[in-house]
Amino acid sequence: MMWIVFSGTVFLFCFYTMLLVIWGSMKMRSLSKASSGTYTRTPLVSIIVPACNEETGLEAALLSLAQQDYPNVEIITIDDRSTDRTFEILTKYTQKFPKIHLHQIKELPAGWLGKNHALYTGAKIARGEILLFTDADIIMAPSTLTLAVSYFSHENLDHLSLIFRNLAAGGLLNAMVVEALGGLFLLFRPWSVRKKRSKAFIGVGAFNMIRASAYWKLNGHAAFKMHPVDDIMLGKKVKQQGFVQDCLQGGDLVQVRWYETVTAMANGLQKNIFALYNYRISFVVLALLTIIALSIVPVWGVLMGHGIVRLLFGASVLCRIVVFICNARGMKCSATLFPWSLLTPYLTVAIIIKAVSTTIRNRGIDWRGTHYSLEDLRKEDSLHSWR
C-alpha cells in the first residue's frame, strides 16, 4: 500500500509538471514572430559586454555585435582584469569598429563580485536610453537588436530577456543543458513574468535588455553586488519595482556554446548552484530528494515494480519525457535527445552535491581567479524572498 501511495503521489506531481510545461510552452512566444522589426524612432542602445579571460569566443561575439543592422548603437566592452589575450582582442576590434568602446578594470573594489562590478561600470559609461547586458561569447543574428528594440518599444517594456540556444555538440551535454534550463523555467515561470499581479520574474545573462531609467531607479547591479546569479537578480529587482517585464524565445537569434563538455558545465555551475538555494542546506536536501523521487525512482519502479505501482511509475516516466521534449523544442534542440534524460538526474545530483560541498569546504567560491567568502555571499538578498 505504501508504494501505491508513493507512486500515485509521484505521478500526480509529474502529471502536473507536464501540464504546466505544456501550457507554458504554448504561452512562450518567439521574438522573430512577435516583433515586426519596424519602429517610429531609434533610441540609442548601449550594449555592455564584460570580458574576463574570454579570448576563445570573443572575436566571433564582437563581430556579431558589430554587424547588427540596428542604426543607433554603441558597444561598451569591459576588460575585467584579464590575463590572456582578451585586452589585445578588444583593442583590435575597438580600432576596427568605431562603435565599439573599451574600458579596462585593473582592480576589483571590495564588496563586489567581478562580473557585477564590470556590468555596473559599463552601465555608468553608457549613454543609451536602452541598455543591453550580454556575455562575451554570445552570437547574435544581425536582426536581433532591431527586432528586440521594435518589440521592446511597441510593448512599452522596461525589461526584456531572451532564451538562447546552446550550440555545443554532444547528446549528453545538450540533454544536461535542456534539463538545467528546464528546471529554471519551472522555478521562475518565464511565461508569467509579463503579468503584473504575478511574482514570477526572470533574467537571462545572454540577453538582458533594460530601460536605463529603470536600471538606475533600482540602483543597478549595486543592488546585488555579491550575488553570483546576477542576471536573474536583475529580473527580480525589476519586477519588485513594478516595471514591465517580458521574456521570449530567442534561440533562432541568440546562440552560444554554453559549455564545451559535461565536466566544464559541472565546474561552471559551481558558483551558482548553492546561491539558487540561498546557501541553505535544508533547501539543498529538499531539492535532492525531489529530483530523486520524481526523476530517478520512477525508472527503477518500472524495472522492479509490479501491477499498479509499475503502471503509475511508467506514467510518471512518460510525463517526464514529454516535459523534456517540450523544453528541448523550445530551446531549438533535437527531441531525440530524450533517452539521455534517463541519465541526467544522476549527474544533476552529483553536480549539486559537489558544488555545495566545495563551497562549504572552501568557505566560498573561486571564480575567474578571485575568491568570494561564503560569509559575504550569504549577506545578499535571496532569489526566492520577496521584500
Protein backbone atom coordinates (compact mmCIF):
# COMPACT_ATOMS: atom_id res chain seq x y z
CA MET A 1 0.00 0.00 0.00
CA MET A 2 2.85 2.40 0.85
CA TRP A 3 4.34 2.01 -2.64
CA ILE A 4 0.96 2.55 -4.27
CA VAL A 5 0.51 5.83 -2.37
CA PHE A 6 4.07 6.91 -3.14
CA SER A 7 3.91 6.04 -6.85
CA GLY A 8 0.50 7.73 -7.11
CA THR A 9 1.83 10.90 -5.48
CA VAL A 10 4.85 10.95 -7.78
CA PHE A 11 2.61 10.53 -10.82
CA LEU A 12 0.38 13.43 -9.75
CA PHE A 13 3.42 15.70 -9.37
CA CYS A 14 4.84 14.60 -12.73
CA PHE A 15 1.46 14.98 -14.45
CA TYR A 16 1.01 18.49 -13.01
CA THR A 17 4.53 19.42 -14.13
CA MET A 18 3.80 18.15 -17.62
CA LEU A 19 0.61 20.21 -17.90
CA LEU A 20 2.41 23.30 -16.56
CA VAL A 21 5.27 22.95 -19.07
CA ILE A 22 2.91 22.32 -21.99
CA TRP A 23 0.85 25.36 -21.04
CA GLY A 24 3.97 27.46 -20.54
CA SER A 25 5.41 26.33 -23.88
CA MET A 26 2.22 27.42 -25.61
CA LYS A 27 2.38 30.83 -23.90
CA MET A 28 6.05 31.49 -24.72
CA ARG A 29 6.47 33.38 -27.99
CA SER A 30 9.47 33.75 -30.28
CA LEU A 31 10.92 37.24 -30.77
CA SER A 32 11.26 36.67 -34.51
CA LYS A 33 7.50 36.06 -34.73
CA ALA A 34 6.35 38.55 -32.09
CA SER A 35 8.27 41.56 -33.44
CA SER A 36 7.52 43.35 -36.70
CA GLY A 37 11.03 44.80 -36.84
CA THR A 38 9.62 48.28 -37.53
CA TYR A 39 9.81 51.34 -35.28
CA THR A 40 8.97 55.03 -35.37
CA ARG A 41 12.13 56.06 -33.51
CA THR A 42 15.55 54.57 -32.91
CA PRO A 43 16.73 55.27 -29.34
CA LEU A 44 20.42 54.81 -28.65
CA VAL A 45 21.11 51.29 -27.37
CA SER A 46 24.22 50.63 -25.29
CA ILE A 47 25.39 47.02 -25.47
CA ILE A 48 27.54 46.21 -22.43
CA VAL A 49 29.93 43.27 -22.70
CA PRO A 50 32.05 42.24 -19.69
CA ALA A 51 35.07 40.09 -20.56
CA CYS A 52 37.39 38.28 -18.18
CA ASN A 53 39.73 35.83 -19.96
CA GLU A 54 37.34 35.33 -22.87
CA GLU A 55 39.83 35.04 -25.74
CA THR A 56 38.30 31.82 -27.13
CA GLY A 57 34.88 33.04 -28.25
CA LEU A 58 35.35 36.79 -28.01
CA GLU A 59 36.07 37.66 -31.65
CA ALA A 60 33.01 35.90 -33.05
CA ALA A 61 30.82 37.57 -30.42
CA LEU A 62 32.20 41.06 -31.12
CA LEU A 63 31.80 40.58 -34.86
CA SER A 64 28.15 39.57 -34.45
CA LEU A 65 27.51 42.70 -32.37
CA ALA A 66 29.34 44.97 -34.81
CA GLN A 67 27.20 43.57 -37.65
CA GLN A 68 23.84 44.36 -36.01
CA ASP A 69 21.62 46.17 -38.52
CA TYR A 70 20.11 48.46 -35.87
CA PRO A 71 21.25 52.01 -36.80
CA ASN A 72 21.82 53.62 -33.39
CA VAL A 73 24.06 51.56 -31.13
CA GLU A 74 27.23 51.78 -29.06
CA ILE A 75 29.10 48.71 -27.82
CA ILE A 76 30.88 49.10 -24.49
CA THR A 77 33.39 46.35 -23.75
CA ILE A 78 34.85 45.93 -20.28
CA ASP A 79 38.15 44.12 -19.85
CA ASP A 80 37.85 42.83 -16.30
CA ARG A 81 41.40 42.09 -15.16
CA SER A 82 42.05 39.56 -17.94
CA THR A 83 45.37 37.69 -18.03
CA ASP A 84 45.02 36.18 -21.53
CA ARG A 85 44.65 37.88 -24.95
CA THR A 86 41.25 39.43 -24.15
CA PHE A 87 42.51 43.02 -23.89
CA GLU A 88 44.51 42.63 -27.12
CA ILE A 89 41.43 41.36 -28.98
CA LEU A 90 39.22 44.11 -27.57
CA THR A 91 41.76 46.73 -28.59
CA LYS A 92 41.89 45.37 -32.14
CA TYR A 93 38.10 45.49 -32.52
CA THR A 94 37.91 48.96 -30.98
CA GLN A 95 40.25 50.18 -33.72
CA LYS A 96 38.34 48.29 -36.41
CA PHE A 97 34.81 49.38 -35.43
CA PRO A 98 34.26 52.95 -34.16
CA LYS A 99 31.01 51.92 -32.42
CA ILE A 100 33.00 49.62 -30.09
CA HIS A 101 34.48 51.27 -26.99
CA LEU A 102 36.86 49.75 -24.46
CA HIS A 103 37.25 50.29 -20.73
CA GLN A 104 39.76 48.39 -18.63
CA ILE A 105 39.33 47.41 -14.98
CA LYS A 106 42.61 46.69 -13.20
CA GLU A 107 41.39 46.26 -9.62
CA LEU A 108 38.19 44.89 -8.11
CA PRO A 109 36.73 47.05 -5.31
CA ALA A 110 35.92 45.31 -2.04
CA GLY A 111 32.38 44.03 -1.69
CA TRP A 112 31.84 43.39 -5.39
CA LEU A 113 31.66 40.24 -7.50
CA GLY A 114 33.79 40.75 -10.60
CA LYS A 115 31.13 40.42 -13.29
CA ASN A 116 28.59 42.52 -11.37
CA HIS A 117 31.14 45.30 -10.99
CA ALA A 118 32.07 45.13 -14.69
CA LEU A 119 28.41 45.37 -15.76
CA TYR A 120 27.82 48.27 -13.39
CA THR A 121 30.94 50.02 -14.66
CA GLY A 122 29.76 49.62 -18.25
CA ALA A 123 26.32 50.98 -17.37
CA LYS A 124 27.87 54.12 -15.86
CA ILE A 125 29.77 54.76 -19.09
CA ALA A 126 26.78 54.05 -21.32
CA ARG A 127 24.87 56.91 -22.96
CA GLY A 128 21.97 54.82 -24.26
CA GLU A 129 18.30 55.15 -23.41
CA ILE A 130 18.24 51.34 -23.52
CA LEU A 131 20.92 49.08 -22.03
CA LEU A 132 21.62 45.54 -23.23
CA PHE A 133 23.73 43.32 -20.97
CA THR A 134 25.20 40.31 -22.73
CA ASP A 135 28.11 37.90 -22.36
CA ALA A 136 31.39 37.85 -24.26
CA ASP A 137 30.68 34.57 -26.08
CA ILE A 138 27.15 35.28 -27.38
CA ILE A 139 26.50 35.15 -31.11
CA MET A 140 23.55 37.27 -32.28
CA ALA A 141 21.92 37.26 -35.71
CA PRO A 142 22.20 40.66 -37.48
CA SER A 143 18.49 41.44 -36.98
CA THR A 144 18.40 40.61 -33.25
CA LEU A 145 18.71 44.15 -31.93
CA THR A 146 16.29 45.59 -34.50
CA LEU A 147 13.63 43.02 -33.62
CA ALA A 148 14.22 43.42 -29.88
CA VAL A 149 14.02 47.24 -29.88
CA SER A 150 10.89 47.13 -32.04
CA TYR A 151 9.16 44.72 -29.65
CA PHE A 152 10.53 46.49 -26.56
CA SER A 153 9.17 49.86 -27.75
CA HIS A 154 5.87 48.59 -29.14
CA GLU A 155 5.06 46.72 -25.92
CA ASN A 156 6.32 49.62 -23.76
CA LEU A 157 8.59 47.29 -21.80
CA ASP A 158 11.16 48.13 -19.17
CA HIS A 159 12.96 44.78 -19.29
CA LEU A 160 13.21 42.04 -21.92
CA SER A 161 15.04 38.71 -21.71
CA LEU A 162 15.61 36.19 -24.49
CA ILE A 163 16.11 32.45 -24.11
CA PHE A 164 19.24 31.40 -26.03
CA ARG A 165 20.18 28.29 -27.98
CA ASN A 166 23.13 26.14 -26.95
CA LEU A 167 25.48 25.36 -29.86
CA ALA A 168 27.71 22.81 -28.14
CA ALA A 169 27.88 19.30 -29.58
CA GLY A 170 27.13 16.06 -27.76
CA GLY A 171 23.88 14.35 -26.79
CA LEU A 172 24.55 14.10 -23.07
CA LEU A 173 25.78 17.70 -22.80
CA ASN A 174 22.77 19.09 -24.63
CA ALA A 175 20.45 16.94 -22.54
CA MET A 176 22.10 18.42 -19.42
CA VAL A 177 21.53 21.93 -20.78
CA VAL A 178 17.88 21.18 -21.50
CA GLU A 179 17.50 19.70 -18.04
CA ALA A 180 19.18 22.65 -16.30
CA LEU A 181 17.29 25.36 -18.17
CA GLY A 182 14.05 23.39 -17.94
CA GLY A 183 14.42 23.30 -14.17
CA LEU A 184 14.95 27.05 -14.09
CA PHE A 185 11.86 27.56 -16.26
CA LEU A 186 9.74 25.60 -13.80
CA LEU A 187 11.22 27.54 -10.90
CA PHE A 188 10.86 31.04 -12.40
CA ARG A 189 7.96 30.56 -14.89
CA PRO A 190 9.11 32.97 -17.63
CA TRP A 191 5.73 32.74 -19.36
CA SER A 192 4.15 34.54 -16.39
CA VAL A 193 6.61 37.40 -15.89
CA ARG A 194 4.54 39.78 -18.03
CA LYS A 195 1.60 39.58 -15.59
CA LYS A 196 1.72 42.48 -13.15
CA ARG A 197 0.00 40.52 -10.39
CA SER A 198 2.39 37.60 -10.72
CA LYS A 199 5.55 37.47 -8.65
CA ALA A 200 7.27 35.49 -11.41
CA PHE A 201 10.45 37.09 -12.73
CA ILE A 202 13.37 36.17 -14.96
CA GLY A 203 16.66 37.44 -16.31
CA VAL A 204 18.99 35.86 -18.88
CA GLY A 205 22.68 36.69 -18.96
CA ALA A 206 22.88 36.15 -22.71
CA PHE A 207 20.30 38.87 -23.36
CA ASN A 208 19.11 41.24 -20.62
CA MET A 209 17.66 44.43 -22.17
CA ILE A 210 16.53 47.13 -19.75
CA ARG A 211 15.47 50.76 -19.93
CA ALA A 212 18.29 52.88 -18.46
CA SER A 213 15.89 54.90 -16.28
CA ALA A 214 14.54 51.68 -14.76
CA TYR A 215 18.04 50.31 -14.22
CA TRP A 216 19.16 53.33 -12.24
CA LYS A 217 15.95 53.51 -10.24
CA LEU A 218 16.69 50.06 -8.81
CA ASN A 219 20.35 51.11 -8.29
CA GLY A 220 21.59 48.77 -10.97
CA HIS A 221 23.96 45.96 -10.07
CA ALA A 222 24.87 47.82 -6.89
CA ALA A 223 21.60 46.40 -5.52
CA PHE A 224 23.14 42.89 -5.54
CA LYS A 225 26.90 43.45 -5.65
CA MET A 226 27.85 39.97 -4.48
CA HIS A 227 25.14 37.75 -5.93
CA PRO A 228 26.51 35.10 -8.35
CA VAL A 229 23.19 34.81 -10.23
CA ASP A 230 23.29 38.43 -11.39
CA ASP A 231 21.09 38.02 -14.46
CA ILE A 232 18.07 36.60 -12.61
CA MET A 233 18.57 39.00 -9.71
CA LEU A 234 18.28 41.89 -12.16
CA GLY A 235 14.95 40.44 -13.27
CA LYS A 236 13.80 40.14 -9.67
CA LYS A 237 14.63 43.75 -8.82
CA VAL A 238 12.88 44.94 -11.99
CA LYS A 239 9.72 43.07 -11.04
CA GLN A 240 9.86 44.24 -7.44
CA GLN A 241 9.92 47.85 -8.60
CA GLY A 242 6.74 47.30 -10.62
CA PHE A 243 8.36 47.68 -14.04
CA VAL A 244 7.01 45.87 -17.10
CA GLN A 245 8.97 42.71 -17.88
CA ASP A 246 8.76 40.06 -20.59
CA CYS A 247 10.67 37.00 -21.74
CA LEU A 248 10.62 35.46 -25.23
CA GLN A 249 12.22 32.56 -27.05
CA GLY A 250 15.25 33.80 -28.94
CA GLY A 251 17.04 30.59 -29.90
CA ASP A 252 16.96 31.41 -33.60
CA LEU A 253 18.61 34.79 -32.89
CA VAL A 254 20.80 34.38 -29.78
CA GLN A 255 23.20 31.46 -29.61
CA VAL A 256 26.17 30.38 -27.51
CA ARG A 257 28.43 27.46 -26.82
CA TRP A 258 27.34 27.50 -23.19
CA TYR A 259 29.74 24.72 -22.21
CA GLU A 260 32.03 22.50 -24.29
CA THR A 261 31.81 19.38 -22.09
CA VAL A 262 29.76 17.96 -19.25
CA THR A 263 32.79 18.43 -16.96
CA ALA A 264 33.07 22.08 -17.96
CA MET A 265 29.37 22.53 -17.25
CA ALA A 266 29.72 20.92 -13.83
CA ASN A 267 32.64 23.22 -12.98
CA GLY A 268 30.98 26.30 -14.45
CA LEU A 269 27.79 25.88 -12.44
CA GLN A 270 29.59 25.57 -9.11
CA LYS A 271 29.46 29.31 -8.44
CA ASN A 272 25.67 29.47 -8.95
CA ILE A 273 24.12 26.32 -7.53
CA PHE A 274 24.37 26.98 -3.77
CA ALA A 275 23.16 30.56 -4.38
CA LEU A 276 19.99 29.19 -6.01
CA TYR A 277 19.21 27.55 -2.68
CA ASN A 278 20.08 30.69 -0.70
CA TYR A 279 23.10 28.87 0.80
CA ARG A 280 20.77 26.78 2.97
CA ILE A 281 21.49 23.06 3.39
CA SER A 282 17.82 22.33 4.10
CA PHE A 283 16.83 23.69 0.68
CA VAL A 284 19.58 21.63 -0.96
CA VAL A 285 18.41 18.43 0.74
CA LEU A 286 14.82 19.12 -0.28
CA ALA A 287 15.90 19.69 -3.90
CA LEU A 288 17.94 16.48 -3.98
CA LEU A 289 15.09 14.42 -2.53
CA THR A 290 12.69 15.93 -5.08
CA ILE A 291 14.99 15.09 -8.00
CA ILE A 292 15.47 11.53 -6.74
CA ALA A 293 11.76 10.98 -6.09
CA LEU A 294 10.49 12.44 -9.35
CA SER A 295 13.26 11.56 -11.81
CA ILE A 296 15.23 8.55 -10.56
CA VAL A 297 12.86 6.37 -8.51
CA PRO A 298 10.17 6.10 -11.24
CA VAL A 299 12.62 4.48 -13.70
CA TRP A 300 13.63 1.89 -11.12
CA GLY A 301 9.96 1.46 -10.24
CA VAL A 302 9.21 0.48 -13.84
CA LEU A 303 12.06 -2.04 -13.82
CA MET A 304 11.38 -3.56 -10.39
CA GLY A 305 7.76 -2.77 -9.55
CA HIS A 306 4.62 -4.79 -10.23
CA GLY A 307 1.00 -4.12 -11.12
CA ILE A 308 -0.42 -0.67 -10.39
CA VAL A 309 2.90 0.54 -8.94
CA ARG A 310 4.74 -0.22 -12.18
CA LEU A 311 1.91 1.39 -14.18
CA LEU A 312 1.99 4.61 -12.13
CA PHE A 313 5.76 4.86 -12.27
CA GLY A 314 5.65 4.20 -16.02
CA ALA A 315 3.16 7.04 -16.44
CA SER A 316 5.48 9.29 -14.41
CA VAL A 317 8.43 8.46 -16.69
CA LEU A 318 6.27 9.20 -19.73
CA CYS A 319 5.27 12.60 -18.28
CA ARG A 320 8.92 13.43 -17.69
CA ILE A 321 9.83 12.51 -21.27
CA VAL A 322 7.06 14.79 -22.56
CA VAL A 323 8.41 17.63 -20.37
CA PHE A 324 11.92 17.07 -21.71
CA ILE A 325 10.77 17.09 -25.34
CA CYS A 326 8.76 20.30 -24.82
CA ASN A 327 11.77 22.02 -23.27
CA ALA A 328 14.12 20.71 -25.98
CA ARG A 329 11.89 22.03 -28.76
CA GLY A 330 11.69 25.42 -27.06
CA MET A 331 15.49 25.56 -26.88
CA LYS A 332 15.89 24.50 -30.54
CA CYS A 333 17.42 21.17 -29.51
CA SER A 334 16.56 17.79 -31.02
CA ALA A 335 13.71 15.94 -29.33
CA THR A 336 15.66 12.72 -29.97
CA LEU A 337 17.88 13.64 -27.02
CA PHE A 338 15.23 12.33 -24.61
CA PRO A 339 16.92 8.92 -23.93
CA TRP A 340 19.75 10.88 -22.29
CA SER A 341 17.21 12.34 -19.87
CA LEU A 342 17.22 9.00 -18.06
CA LEU A 343 20.86 9.64 -17.11
CA THR A 344 20.87 13.38 -16.47
CA PRO A 345 19.23 13.26 -12.99
CA TYR A 346 22.20 11.30 -11.63
CA LEU A 347 24.60 13.91 -12.99
CA THR A 348 22.44 16.73 -11.66
CA VAL A 349 22.51 15.21 -8.17
CA ALA A 350 26.29 14.76 -8.38
CA ILE A 351 26.82 18.35 -9.60
CA ILE A 352 24.68 19.81 -6.79
CA ILE A 353 26.47 17.77 -4.11
CA LYS A 354 29.90 18.68 -5.49
CA ALA A 355 29.06 22.39 -5.81
CA VAL A 356 27.63 22.69 -2.31
CA SER A 357 30.36 20.63 -0.62
CA THR A 358 33.12 22.53 -2.46
CA THR A 359 31.63 25.91 -1.50
CA ILE A 360 31.37 24.87 2.15
CA ARG A 361 34.86 23.33 2.21
CA ASN A 362 36.44 26.40 0.61
CA ARG A 363 34.23 28.74 2.65
CA GLY A 364 33.22 30.50 -0.53
CA ILE A 365 33.50 30.32 -4.30
CA ASP A 366 36.51 30.79 -6.55
CA TRP A 367 35.60 32.45 -9.83
CA ARG A 368 37.89 33.82 -12.53
CA GLY A 369 40.85 33.97 -10.17
CA THR A 370 39.08 35.68 -7.26
CA HIS A 371 37.84 34.15 -4.01
CA TYR A 372 34.50 35.33 -2.59
CA SER A 373 33.79 34.34 1.01
CA LEU A 374 30.65 32.43 1.92
CA GLU A 375 30.05 34.90 4.73
CA ASP A 376 29.84 37.80 2.27
CA LEU A 377 27.79 35.83 -0.24
CA ARG A 378 25.18 34.95 2.39
CA LYS A 379 24.54 38.64 3.07
CA GLU A 380 22.93 39.08 -0.36
CA ASP A 381 19.19 39.04 -0.94
CA SER A 382 17.75 35.61 -1.74
CA LEU A 383 16.38 34.85 -5.20
CA HIS A 384 13.31 33.37 -3.55
CA SER A 385 12.44 36.04 -0.96
CA TRP A 386 10.12 38.91 -1.84
CA ARG A 387 10.92 42.10 0.05
